[in-house]
């Protein structure tokens, strides 16, 4: 079975459905797991994807995939949101996080620290701009980020 080919076909088939929800496809995986073959799509949109939207996308995509017959073996289809705790790594990830509080750990110190917490102000092609709670603006090159996640505010 050509898994990369299947993943690309699923991306193509899923996009028009996701466009109707103003959602984007974050990731697609297709692999054997303990339950068997699992086709997993992570979708997101500004303001977050609801459980009902994930269920609707799942139902519609399942129908279209069955009609297209690109997967010949039995599989499980899962459509979900990536969640707040997923790592941020790309420009697009940070664009979605503008205004959010994030913790960014870098490979080399930025402003005398490898870990900085602040609000995402901008996502540029090669860097992200955050503002710390004390008002200090940091420009962090995307290539120097080791790990970045949203912080939950209480």
N, C-alpha and C. Protein backbone atom coordinates (compact mmCIF):
# COMPACT_ATOMS: atom_id res chain seq x y z
N UNK A 1 0.84 -1.18 0.00
CA UNK A 1 0.00 0.00 0.00
C UNK A 1 0.89 1.24 0.00
N UNK A 2 0.59 2.22 -0.83
CA UNK A 2 1.38 3.44 -0.96
C UNK A 2 0.86 4.48 0.03
N UNK A 3 1.40 4.46 1.26
CA UNK A 3 0.89 5.37 2.28
C UNK A 3 1.11 6.84 1.96
N UNK A 4 2.32 7.25 1.51
CA UNK A 4 2.45 8.67 1.16
C UNK A 4 1.46 9.09 0.07
N UNK A 5 1.25 8.22 -0.90
CA UNK A 5 0.28 8.51 -1.95
C UNK A 5 -1.13 8.64 -1.41
N UNK A 6 -1.46 7.78 -0.46
CA UNK A 6 -2.79 7.84 0.15
C UNK A 6 -2.95 9.13 0.94
N UNK A 7 -1.92 9.50 1.71
CA UNK A 7 -1.98 10.73 2.50
C UNK A 7 -2.21 11.93 1.59
N UNK A 8 -1.50 12.00 0.48
CA UNK A 8 -1.68 13.12 -0.45
C UNK A 8 -3.07 13.12 -1.07
N UNK A 9 -3.59 11.94 -1.41
CA UNK A 9 -4.95 11.86 -1.96
C UNK A 9 -5.97 12.31 -0.91
N UNK A 10 -5.77 11.91 0.33
CA UNK A 10 -6.68 12.32 1.41
C UNK A 10 -6.64 13.83 1.58
N UNK A 11 -5.44 14.41 1.53
CA UNK A 11 -5.33 15.87 1.63
C UNK A 11 -6.16 16.55 0.54
N UNK A 12 -6.04 16.05 -0.68
CA UNK A 12 -6.75 16.63 -1.81
C UNK A 12 -8.26 16.49 -1.64
N UNK A 13 -8.69 15.32 -1.22
CA UNK A 13 -10.12 15.06 -1.04
C UNK A 13 -10.70 15.85 0.13
N UNK A 14 -9.93 15.97 1.21
CA UNK A 14 -10.43 16.63 2.42
C UNK A 14 -10.53 18.15 2.28
N UNK A 15 -9.68 18.75 1.46
CA UNK A 15 -9.61 20.21 1.43
C UNK A 15 -10.94 20.89 1.09
N UNK A 16 -11.68 20.45 0.06
CA UNK A 16 -12.95 21.13 -0.22
C UNK A 16 -13.95 21.02 0.94
N UNK A 17 -13.93 19.92 1.65
CA UNK A 17 -14.82 19.75 2.81
C UNK A 17 -14.40 20.73 3.90
N UNK A 18 -13.09 20.81 4.16
CA UNK A 18 -12.60 21.72 5.20
C UNK A 18 -12.84 23.18 4.83
N UNK A 19 -12.75 23.50 3.54
CA UNK A 19 -13.00 24.88 3.10
C UNK A 19 -14.40 25.33 3.50
N UNK A 20 -15.37 24.43 3.47
CA UNK A 20 -16.75 24.78 3.85
C UNK A 20 -16.84 25.17 5.32
N UNK A 21 -15.90 24.71 6.13
CA UNK A 21 -15.90 25.01 7.56
C UNK A 21 -14.88 26.11 7.89
N UNK A 22 -14.27 26.70 6.86
CA UNK A 22 -13.19 27.68 7.03
C UNK A 22 -12.09 27.10 7.91
N UNK A 23 -11.83 25.80 7.73
CA UNK A 23 -10.82 25.10 8.52
C UNK A 23 -9.66 24.72 7.62
N UNK A 24 -8.54 24.42 8.25
CA UNK A 24 -7.37 23.99 7.49
C UNK A 24 -6.90 22.64 8.01
N UNK A 25 -6.26 21.93 7.13
CA UNK A 25 -5.70 20.63 7.47
C UNK A 25 -4.31 20.85 8.06
N UNK A 26 -4.14 20.51 9.33
CA UNK A 26 -2.86 20.69 10.01
C UNK A 26 -1.95 19.50 9.75
N UNK A 27 -2.52 18.29 9.81
CA UNK A 27 -1.70 17.09 9.63
C UNK A 27 -2.59 15.91 9.24
N UNK A 28 -1.99 14.99 8.50
CA UNK A 28 -2.64 13.72 8.16
C UNK A 28 -1.63 12.61 8.42
N UNK A 29 -2.07 11.58 9.13
CA UNK A 29 -1.24 10.39 9.30
C UNK A 29 -2.07 9.18 8.93
N UNK A 30 -1.40 8.18 8.41
CA UNK A 30 -2.05 6.93 8.04
C UNK A 30 -1.06 5.83 8.38
N UNK A 31 -1.37 5.06 9.43
CA UNK A 31 -0.42 4.05 9.89
C UNK A 31 -1.13 2.96 10.69
N UNK A 32 -0.39 1.87 10.87
CA UNK A 32 -0.87 0.79 11.73
C UNK A 32 -0.67 1.18 13.18
N UNK A 33 -1.72 1.00 13.97
CA UNK A 33 -1.67 1.19 15.42
C UNK A 33 -2.26 -0.05 16.07
N UNK A 34 -2.40 -0.04 17.37
CA UNK A 34 -2.89 -1.23 18.07
C UNK A 34 -4.29 -1.66 17.61
N UNK A 35 -5.09 -0.71 17.16
CA UNK A 35 -6.46 -1.02 16.69
C UNK A 35 -6.51 -1.41 15.22
N UNK A 36 -5.39 -1.29 14.52
CA UNK A 36 -5.34 -1.57 13.08
C UNK A 36 -4.91 -0.31 12.35
N UNK A 37 -5.30 -0.21 11.08
CA UNK A 37 -4.96 0.98 10.29
C UNK A 37 -5.79 2.17 10.76
N UNK A 38 -5.11 3.29 10.99
CA UNK A 38 -5.79 4.51 11.45
C UNK A 38 -5.42 5.65 10.52
N UNK A 39 -6.45 6.30 9.98
CA UNK A 39 -6.28 7.52 9.20
C UNK A 39 -6.70 8.67 10.12
N UNK A 40 -5.74 9.52 10.48
CA UNK A 40 -6.00 10.58 11.45
C UNK A 40 -5.77 11.93 10.80
N UNK A 41 -6.76 12.79 10.89
CA UNK A 41 -6.66 14.16 10.39
C UNK A 41 -6.76 15.12 11.56
N UNK A 42 -5.84 16.08 11.61
CA UNK A 42 -5.91 17.15 12.58
C UNK A 42 -6.32 18.40 11.82
N UNK A 43 -7.40 19.02 12.25
CA UNK A 43 -7.91 20.21 11.59
C UNK A 43 -8.01 21.35 12.59
N UNK A 44 -7.87 22.57 12.09
CA UNK A 44 -7.91 23.73 12.97
C UNK A 44 -8.49 24.90 12.21
N UNK A 45 -8.93 25.89 12.96
CA UNK A 45 -9.40 27.14 12.37
C UNK A 45 -9.35 28.21 13.44
N UNK A 46 -9.37 29.47 13.04
CA UNK A 46 -9.38 30.53 14.04
C UNK A 46 -10.55 30.34 15.00
N UNK A 47 -10.27 30.42 16.28
CA UNK A 47 -11.32 30.25 17.27
C UNK A 47 -11.54 28.80 17.65
N UNK A 48 -10.86 27.88 17.02
CA UNK A 48 -10.90 26.44 17.32
C UNK A 48 -12.05 25.73 16.60
N UNK A 49 -11.81 24.46 16.35
CA UNK A 49 -12.78 23.58 15.71
C UNK A 49 -13.60 22.91 16.82
N UNK A 50 -14.91 22.85 16.64
CA UNK A 50 -15.75 22.22 17.66
C UNK A 50 -15.81 20.71 17.45
N UNK A 51 -16.26 20.02 18.47
CA UNK A 51 -16.44 18.57 18.39
C UNK A 51 -17.48 18.25 17.31
N UNK A 52 -18.55 19.03 17.25
CA UNK A 52 -19.59 18.80 16.23
C UNK A 52 -19.03 18.98 14.82
N UNK A 53 -18.16 19.97 14.63
CA UNK A 53 -17.56 20.17 13.31
C UNK A 53 -16.65 19.00 12.95
N UNK A 54 -15.88 18.51 13.92
CA UNK A 54 -15.03 17.34 13.66
C UNK A 54 -15.88 16.13 13.26
N UNK A 55 -17.00 15.95 13.94
CA UNK A 55 -17.90 14.82 13.64
C UNK A 55 -18.48 14.97 12.24
N UNK A 56 -18.88 16.19 11.87
CA UNK A 56 -19.45 16.43 10.54
C UNK A 56 -18.41 16.20 9.44
N UNK A 57 -17.19 16.71 9.66
CA UNK A 57 -16.11 16.49 8.68
C UNK A 57 -15.84 14.99 8.56
N UNK A 58 -15.79 14.30 9.69
CA UNK A 58 -15.54 12.85 9.69
C UNK A 58 -16.60 12.13 8.86
N UNK A 59 -17.85 12.44 9.10
CA UNK A 59 -18.94 11.77 8.38
C UNK A 59 -18.86 12.04 6.88
N UNK A 60 -18.67 13.28 6.50
CA UNK A 60 -18.62 13.63 5.08
C UNK A 60 -17.39 13.07 4.40
N UNK A 61 -16.24 13.16 5.08
CA UNK A 61 -15.01 12.63 4.51
C UNK A 61 -15.07 11.11 4.37
N UNK A 62 -15.65 10.45 5.34
CA UNK A 62 -15.79 8.99 5.29
C UNK A 62 -16.58 8.58 4.04
N UNK A 63 -17.66 9.28 3.78
CA UNK A 63 -18.49 8.98 2.61
C UNK A 63 -17.68 9.17 1.32
N UNK A 64 -16.98 10.30 1.21
CA UNK A 64 -16.22 10.59 -0.01
C UNK A 64 -15.07 9.60 -0.19
N UNK A 65 -14.39 9.25 0.89
CA UNK A 65 -13.30 8.28 0.80
C UNK A 65 -13.81 6.89 0.39
N UNK A 66 -14.96 6.51 0.93
CA UNK A 66 -15.55 5.22 0.54
C UNK A 66 -15.89 5.21 -0.95
N UNK A 67 -16.42 6.31 -1.45
CA UNK A 67 -16.75 6.42 -2.87
C UNK A 67 -15.50 6.39 -3.75
N UNK A 68 -14.43 7.03 -3.29
CA UNK A 68 -13.20 7.12 -4.08
C UNK A 68 -12.42 5.80 -4.07
N UNK A 69 -12.64 4.98 -3.06
CA UNK A 69 -11.98 3.67 -2.94
C UNK A 69 -10.45 3.75 -3.05
N UNK A 70 -9.86 4.74 -2.37
CA UNK A 70 -8.39 4.85 -2.40
C UNK A 70 -7.73 4.00 -1.32
N UNK A 71 -8.51 3.61 -0.33
CA UNK A 71 -7.99 2.75 0.74
C UNK A 71 -8.73 1.43 0.65
N UNK A 72 -7.99 0.38 0.30
CA UNK A 72 -8.62 -0.92 0.06
C UNK A 72 -8.81 -1.74 1.32
N UNK A 73 -8.03 -1.45 2.35
CA UNK A 73 -8.13 -2.21 3.59
C UNK A 73 -9.05 -1.51 4.58
N UNK A 74 -9.49 -2.26 5.55
CA UNK A 74 -10.32 -1.72 6.63
C UNK A 74 -9.48 -0.74 7.45
N UNK A 75 -10.05 0.41 7.82
CA UNK A 75 -9.32 1.42 8.59
C UNK A 75 -10.27 2.20 9.48
N UNK A 76 -9.70 2.89 10.43
CA UNK A 76 -10.45 3.77 11.33
C UNK A 76 -10.13 5.20 10.93
N UNK A 77 -11.17 6.03 10.79
CA UNK A 77 -10.99 7.44 10.45
C UNK A 77 -11.22 8.27 11.71
N UNK A 78 -10.25 9.12 12.02
CA UNK A 78 -10.37 10.04 13.15
C UNK A 78 -10.13 11.46 12.66
N UNK A 79 -11.02 12.37 13.02
CA UNK A 79 -10.86 13.79 12.72
C UNK A 79 -10.93 14.52 14.05
N UNK A 80 -9.88 15.29 14.36
CA UNK A 80 -9.87 15.99 15.63
C UNK A 80 -9.09 17.30 15.52
N UNK A 81 -9.20 18.09 16.56
CA UNK A 81 -8.45 19.33 16.68
C UNK A 81 -7.11 19.00 17.31
N UNK A 82 -6.06 19.71 16.92
CA UNK A 82 -4.75 19.40 17.49
C UNK A 82 -4.64 19.71 18.98
N UNK A 83 -5.53 20.51 19.53
CA UNK A 83 -5.50 20.82 20.96
C UNK A 83 -4.58 21.98 21.28
N UNK A 84 -4.82 22.55 22.43
CA UNK A 84 -4.04 23.72 22.85
C UNK A 84 -2.60 23.38 23.20
N UNK A 85 -2.35 22.14 23.59
CA UNK A 85 -1.01 21.79 24.06
C UNK A 85 -0.07 21.31 22.97
N UNK A 86 -0.50 21.38 21.72
CA UNK A 86 0.39 20.91 20.66
C UNK A 86 1.52 21.91 20.46
N UNK A 87 2.68 21.40 20.10
CA UNK A 87 3.83 22.29 19.87
C UNK A 87 3.59 23.25 18.71
N UNK A 88 4.13 24.44 18.82
CA UNK A 88 4.11 25.43 17.76
C UNK A 88 5.48 25.42 17.11
N UNK A 89 5.53 25.32 15.78
CA UNK A 89 6.85 25.28 15.16
C UNK A 89 6.92 26.07 13.85
N UNK A 90 5.83 26.20 13.15
CA UNK A 90 5.86 26.87 11.85
C UNK A 90 5.31 28.29 11.95
N UNK A 91 5.56 29.05 10.91
CA UNK A 91 5.01 30.41 10.84
C UNK A 91 3.50 30.35 11.00
N UNK A 92 2.86 29.39 10.32
CA UNK A 92 1.40 29.28 10.38
C UNK A 92 0.92 28.97 11.80
N UNK A 93 1.66 28.12 12.53
CA UNK A 93 1.30 27.83 13.92
C UNK A 93 1.28 29.11 14.74
N UNK A 94 2.31 29.94 14.56
CA UNK A 94 2.40 31.17 15.34
C UNK A 94 1.38 32.21 14.86
N UNK A 95 1.04 32.21 13.58
CA UNK A 95 -0.02 33.11 13.09
C UNK A 95 -1.33 32.81 13.80
N UNK A 96 -1.62 31.52 13.96
CA UNK A 96 -2.85 31.13 14.67
C UNK A 96 -2.79 31.49 16.14
N UNK A 97 -1.58 31.64 16.67
CA UNK A 97 -1.42 31.91 18.10
C UNK A 97 -1.24 33.39 18.42
N UNK A 98 -1.37 34.28 17.43
CA UNK A 98 -1.22 35.71 17.71
C UNK A 98 -2.19 36.11 18.82
N UNK A 99 -1.65 36.77 19.83
CA UNK A 99 -2.44 37.18 20.99
C UNK A 99 -2.39 36.18 22.14
N UNK A 100 -1.95 34.98 21.87
CA UNK A 100 -1.91 33.94 22.90
C UNK A 100 -0.61 34.01 23.70
N UNK A 101 -0.68 33.55 24.93
CA UNK A 101 0.49 33.45 25.78
C UNK A 101 1.22 32.15 25.45
N UNK A 102 2.53 32.25 25.19
CA UNK A 102 3.31 31.07 24.82
C UNK A 102 4.59 30.99 25.65
N UNK A 103 5.09 29.77 25.77
CA UNK A 103 6.41 29.51 26.38
C UNK A 103 7.31 29.02 25.25
N UNK A 104 8.39 29.76 25.02
CA UNK A 104 9.31 29.43 23.93
C UNK A 104 10.67 29.09 24.52
N UNK A 105 11.13 27.88 24.22
CA UNK A 105 12.46 27.44 24.63
C UNK A 105 13.34 27.43 23.39
N UNK A 106 14.49 28.07 23.51
CA UNK A 106 15.39 28.20 22.36
C UNK A 106 16.67 27.40 22.56
N UNK A 107 17.33 27.14 21.44
CA UNK A 107 18.60 26.40 21.47
C UNK A 107 19.71 27.25 22.08
N UNK A 108 19.64 28.55 21.90
CA UNK A 108 20.61 29.49 22.47
C UNK A 108 19.82 30.55 23.23
N UNK A 109 20.42 31.15 24.25
CA UNK A 109 19.69 32.16 25.02
C UNK A 109 19.26 33.36 24.18
N UNK A 110 18.03 33.79 24.42
CA UNK A 110 17.49 35.02 23.84
C UNK A 110 17.15 35.88 25.06
N UNK A 111 17.68 37.08 25.13
CA UNK A 111 17.46 37.97 26.28
C UNK A 111 17.90 37.28 27.56
N UNK A 112 19.07 36.65 27.53
CA UNK A 112 19.69 36.02 28.70
C UNK A 112 18.95 34.80 29.23
N UNK A 113 18.07 34.20 28.42
CA UNK A 113 17.36 33.00 28.87
C UNK A 113 17.07 32.09 27.69
N UNK A 114 17.04 30.79 27.96
CA UNK A 114 16.64 29.84 26.92
C UNK A 114 15.13 29.66 26.89
N UNK A 115 14.45 30.10 27.94
CA UNK A 115 12.99 29.98 27.99
C UNK A 115 12.38 31.35 28.25
N UNK A 116 11.49 31.76 27.37
CA UNK A 116 10.81 33.04 27.51
C UNK A 116 9.31 32.83 27.39
N UNK A 117 8.57 33.56 28.20
CA UNK A 117 7.11 33.50 28.17
C UNK A 117 6.60 34.87 27.77
N UNK A 118 5.69 34.86 26.78
CA UNK A 118 5.13 36.13 26.35
C UNK A 118 3.97 35.93 25.39
N UNK A 119 3.40 37.03 24.98
CA UNK A 119 2.26 37.00 24.06
C UNK A 119 2.77 37.13 22.63
N UNK A 120 2.27 36.29 21.74
CA UNK A 120 2.67 36.36 20.34
C UNK A 120 2.11 37.64 19.73
N UNK A 121 3.00 38.46 19.20
CA UNK A 121 2.60 39.71 18.56
C UNK A 121 2.57 39.58 17.05
N UNK A 122 3.56 38.85 16.49
CA UNK A 122 3.67 38.71 15.04
C UNK A 122 4.35 37.40 14.69
N UNK A 123 3.97 36.87 13.55
CA UNK A 123 4.67 35.70 13.00
C UNK A 123 5.18 36.12 11.62
N UNK A 124 6.48 36.19 11.50
CA UNK A 124 7.11 36.58 10.24
C UNK A 124 7.68 35.34 9.57
N UNK A 125 8.18 35.48 8.36
CA UNK A 125 8.69 34.32 7.63
C UNK A 125 9.76 33.56 8.38
N UNK A 126 10.66 34.28 9.06
CA UNK A 126 11.80 33.61 9.69
C UNK A 126 11.88 33.80 11.20
N UNK A 127 10.90 34.49 11.80
CA UNK A 127 10.95 34.72 13.24
C UNK A 127 9.55 34.99 13.80
N UNK A 128 9.46 34.85 15.11
CA UNK A 128 8.24 35.17 15.82
C UNK A 128 8.56 36.29 16.81
N UNK A 129 7.63 37.22 16.97
CA UNK A 129 7.82 38.32 17.89
C UNK A 129 6.87 38.09 19.07
N UNK A 130 7.46 38.03 20.27
CA UNK A 130 6.63 37.92 21.47
C UNK A 130 6.91 39.11 22.38
N UNK A 131 5.93 39.42 23.21
CA UNK A 131 6.08 40.49 24.19
C UNK A 131 5.87 39.88 25.57
N UNK A 132 6.89 40.02 26.43
CA UNK A 132 6.80 39.46 27.77
C UNK A 132 5.78 40.26 28.59
N UNK A 133 5.39 39.71 29.72
CA UNK A 133 4.42 40.40 30.57
C UNK A 133 4.97 41.73 31.07
N UNK A 134 6.28 41.86 31.13
CA UNK A 134 6.90 43.12 31.55
C UNK A 134 7.01 44.12 30.40
N UNK A 135 6.55 43.72 29.18
CA UNK A 135 6.53 44.64 28.05
C UNK A 135 7.75 44.59 27.16
N UNK A 136 8.65 43.66 27.39
CA UNK A 136 9.87 43.53 26.58
C UNK A 136 9.55 42.73 25.33
N UNK A 137 9.90 43.28 24.14
CA UNK A 137 9.66 42.59 22.86
C UNK A 137 10.87 41.76 22.48
N UNK A 138 10.60 40.51 22.11
CA UNK A 138 11.66 39.61 21.69
C UNK A 138 11.39 39.13 20.28
N UNK A 139 12.42 39.14 19.45
CA UNK A 139 12.34 38.57 18.12
C UNK A 139 13.12 37.27 18.16
N UNK A 140 12.40 36.15 17.98
CA UNK A 140 13.01 34.84 18.10
C UNK A 140 13.02 34.15 16.74
N UNK A 141 14.20 33.85 16.21
CA UNK A 141 14.27 33.16 14.92
C UNK A 141 13.62 31.78 15.00
N UNK A 142 12.78 31.45 14.03
CA UNK A 142 12.10 30.15 14.03
C UNK A 142 13.11 29.00 14.06
N UNK A 143 14.23 29.15 13.39
CA UNK A 143 15.24 28.11 13.34
C UNK A 143 15.95 27.87 14.66
N UNK A 144 15.80 28.78 15.62
CA UNK A 144 16.45 28.64 16.93
C UNK A 144 15.49 28.11 18.00
N UNK A 145 14.22 27.89 17.62
CA UNK A 145 13.24 27.42 18.60
C UNK A 145 13.38 25.92 18.79
N UNK A 146 13.57 25.52 20.01
CA UNK A 146 13.65 24.10 20.36
C UNK A 146 12.25 23.56 20.64
N UNK A 147 11.46 24.37 21.36
CA UNK A 147 10.09 23.96 21.69
C UNK A 147 9.28 25.21 22.00
N UNK A 148 8.03 25.22 21.53
CA UNK A 148 7.13 26.33 21.85
C UNK A 148 5.73 25.75 22.04
N UNK A 149 5.08 26.16 23.11
CA UNK A 149 3.71 25.71 23.41
C UNK A 149 2.92 26.86 23.99
N UNK A 150 1.62 26.75 23.88
CA UNK A 150 0.74 27.73 24.51
C UNK A 150 0.77 27.52 26.01
N UNK A 151 0.69 28.61 26.73
CA UNK A 151 0.59 28.57 28.18
C UNK A 151 -0.89 28.77 28.52
N UNK A 152 -1.34 28.05 29.50
CA UNK A 152 -2.73 28.20 29.94
C UNK A 152 -2.77 29.26 31.03
N UNK A 153 -3.60 30.28 30.83
CA UNK A 153 -3.73 31.35 31.83
C UNK A 153 -4.87 31.02 32.78
N UNK A 154 -4.60 31.22 34.06
CA UNK A 154 -5.65 30.97 35.07
C UNK A 154 -6.09 32.26 35.67
